[in-house]
């Protein structure tokens, strides 16, 4: 089966593949988690709820940006292929 058939039949899930994390990214994720836990420990229940809503909105914005970056990159790749064939 070729890539177009895989795409048509829903066999491709590029959004599920996570990039390999390099040492710098792992370190930043650890720092983010540690600081988040310290912050949460200082918050009241109402503040925790507000912070969770903030994180949900931030996550949603990131997903929108990632999706748009994927689409933009895909379109650029397609344009490069088309131009190289003309």
C-alpha atoms as a PDB file:
ATOM      1  CA  UNK A   1       0.000   0.000   0.000  1.00  0.00           C
ATOM      2  CA  UNK A   2       1.351   3.454  -0.789  1.00  0.00           C
ATOM      3  CA  UNK A   3       1.220   6.536   1.377  1.00  0.00           C
ATOM      4  CA  UNK A   4      -1.862   7.968  -0.348  1.00  0.00           C
ATOM      5  CA  UNK A   5      -3.807   4.765   0.275  1.00  0.00           C
ATOM      6  CA  UNK A   6      -2.657   4.756   3.892  1.00  0.00           C
ATOM      7  CA  UNK A   7      -3.857   8.330   4.214  1.00  0.00           C
ATOM      8  CA  UNK A   8      -7.187   7.526   2.530  1.00  0.00           C
ATOM      9  CA  UNK A   9      -7.842   4.483   4.719  1.00  0.00           C
ATOM     10  CA  UNK A  10      -6.916   6.333   7.897  1.00  0.00           C
ATOM     11  CA  UNK A  11      -3.793   4.285   8.578  1.00  0.00           C
ATOM     12  CA  UNK A  12      -1.584   7.311   9.196  1.00  0.00           C
ATOM     13  CA  UNK A  13      -1.597   9.046  12.564  1.00  0.00           C
ATOM     14  CA  UNK A  14       1.295  11.531  12.513  1.00  0.00           C
ATOM     15  CA  UNK A  15      -0.210  13.506  15.412  1.00  0.00           C
ATOM     16  CA  UNK A  16       0.173  10.462  17.679  1.00  0.00           C
ATOM     17  CA  UNK A  17       3.889  10.133  17.126  1.00  0.00           C
ATOM     18  CA  UNK A  18       5.851  12.005  19.703  1.00  0.00           C
ATOM     19  CA  UNK A  19       9.184  13.483  18.779  1.00  0.00           C
ATOM     20  CA  UNK A  20      12.216  12.038  20.507  1.00  0.00           C
ATOM     21  CA  UNK A  21      13.056  14.198  23.459  1.00  0.00           C
ATOM     22  CA  UNK A  22      16.604  15.450  23.615  1.00  0.00           C
ATOM     23  CA  UNK A  23      18.368  16.153  26.909  1.00  0.00           C
ATOM     24  CA  UNK A  24      17.559  19.867  26.831  1.00  0.00           C
ATOM     25  CA  UNK A  25      13.838  19.208  26.340  1.00  0.00           C
ATOM     26  CA  UNK A  26      13.793  16.546  29.076  1.00  0.00           C
ATOM     27  CA  UNK A  27      15.479  18.993  31.446  1.00  0.00           C
ATOM     28  CA  UNK A  28      12.964  21.721  30.643  1.00  0.00           C
ATOM     29  CA  UNK A  29      10.034  19.333  31.132  1.00  0.00           C
ATOM     30  CA  UNK A  30      11.405  18.302  34.502  1.00  0.00           C
ATOM     31  CA  UNK A  31      11.821  21.930  35.526  1.00  0.00           C
ATOM     32  CA  UNK A  32       8.315  22.749  34.336  1.00  0.00           C
ATOM     33  CA  UNK A  33       6.846  19.870  36.362  1.00  0.00           C
ATOM     34  CA  UNK A  34       8.820  20.701  39.522  1.00  0.00           C
ATOM     35  CA  UNK A  35       7.864  24.367  39.391  1.00  0.00           C
ATOM     36  CA  UNK A  36       4.251  23.501  38.639  1.00  0.00           C
ATOM     37  CA  UNK A  37       4.085  21.227  41.672  1.00  0.00           C
ATOM     38  CA  UNK A  38       5.640  23.925  43.893  1.00  0.00           C
ATOM     39  CA  UNK A  39       3.131  26.467  42.620  1.00  0.00           C
ATOM     40  CA  UNK A  40       0.135  24.181  43.086  1.00  0.00           C
ATOM     41  CA  UNK A  41       1.195  23.461  46.673  1.00  0.00           C
ATOM     42  CA  UNK A  42       0.831  27.182  47.487  1.00  0.00           C
ATOM     43  CA  UNK A  43      -2.613  27.679  45.941  1.00  0.00           C
ATOM     44  CA  UNK A  44      -6.067  27.570  47.487  1.00  0.00           C
ATOM     45  CA  UNK A  45      -8.665  25.223  45.979  1.00  0.00           C
ATOM     46  CA  UNK A  46     -10.222  28.088  44.036  1.00  0.00           C
ATOM     47  CA  UNK A  47      -6.828  29.179  42.729  1.00  0.00           C
ATOM     48  CA  UNK A  48      -6.013  25.583  41.745  1.00  0.00           C
ATOM     49  CA  UNK A  49      -9.216  25.433  39.724  1.00  0.00           C
ATOM     50  CA  UNK A  50      -8.337  28.713  37.993  1.00  0.00           C
ATOM     51  CA  UNK A  51      -4.813  27.462  37.290  1.00  0.00           C
ATOM     52  CA  UNK A  52      -6.184  24.217  35.782  1.00  0.00           C
ATOM     53  CA  UNK A  53      -8.419  26.262  33.487  1.00  0.00           C
ATOM     54  CA  UNK A  54      -5.400  28.355  32.525  1.00  0.00           C
ATOM     55  CA  UNK A  55      -3.398  25.204  31.696  1.00  0.00           C
ATOM     56  CA  UNK A  56      -6.291  23.810  29.645  1.00  0.00           C
ATOM     57  CA  UNK A  57      -6.476  27.014  27.568  1.00  0.00           C
ATOM     58  CA  UNK A  58      -2.704  27.049  27.145  1.00  0.00           C
ATOM     59  CA  UNK A  59      -2.753  23.412  25.991  1.00  0.00           C
ATOM     60  CA  UNK A  60      -5.526  24.150  23.506  1.00  0.00           C
ATOM     61  CA  UNK A  61      -3.617  27.105  22.058  1.00  0.00           C
ATOM     62  CA  UNK A  62      -0.508  24.930  21.708  1.00  0.00           C
ATOM     63  CA  UNK A  63      -2.514  22.263  19.878  1.00  0.00           C
ATOM     64  CA  UNK A  64      -3.912  24.865  17.474  1.00  0.00           C
ATOM     65  CA  UNK A  65      -0.422  26.240  16.788  1.00  0.00           C
ATOM     66  CA  UNK A  66       1.013  22.739  16.284  1.00  0.00           C
ATOM     67  CA  UNK A  67      -1.791  21.841  13.877  1.00  0.00           C
ATOM     68  CA  UNK A  68      -1.270  25.038  11.891  1.00  0.00           C
ATOM     69  CA  UNK A  69       2.493  24.473  11.762  1.00  0.00           C
ATOM     70  CA  UNK A  70       1.907  20.936  10.472  1.00  0.00           C
ATOM     71  CA  UNK A  71      -0.456  22.184   7.766  1.00  0.00           C
ATOM     72  CA  UNK A  72       1.917  24.977   6.750  1.00  0.00           C
ATOM     73  CA  UNK A  73       4.858  22.550   6.572  1.00  0.00           C
ATOM     74  CA  UNK A  74       2.848  20.036   4.572  1.00  0.00           C
ATOM     75  CA  UNK A  75       1.770  22.700   2.082  1.00  0.00           C
ATOM     76  CA  UNK A  76       5.353  23.905   1.726  1.00  0.00           C
ATOM     77  CA  UNK A  77       6.538  20.350   1.109  1.00  0.00           C
ATOM     78  CA  UNK A  78       3.855  19.866  -1.535  1.00  0.00           C
ATOM     79  CA  UNK A  79       4.847  23.124  -3.254  1.00  0.00           C
ATOM     80  CA  UNK A  80       8.494  22.029  -3.296  1.00  0.00           C
ATOM     81  CA  UNK A  81       7.553  18.705  -4.890  1.00  0.00           C
ATOM     82  CA  UNK A  82       5.346  20.389  -7.488  1.00  0.00           C
ATOM     83  CA  UNK A  83       8.012  22.953  -8.353  1.00  0.00           C
ATOM     84  CA  UNK A  84      10.706  20.285  -8.646  1.00  0.00           C
ATOM     85  CA  UNK A  85       8.557  18.406 -11.174  1.00  0.00           C
ATOM     86  CA  UNK A  86       7.982  21.382 -13.475  1.00  0.00           C
END
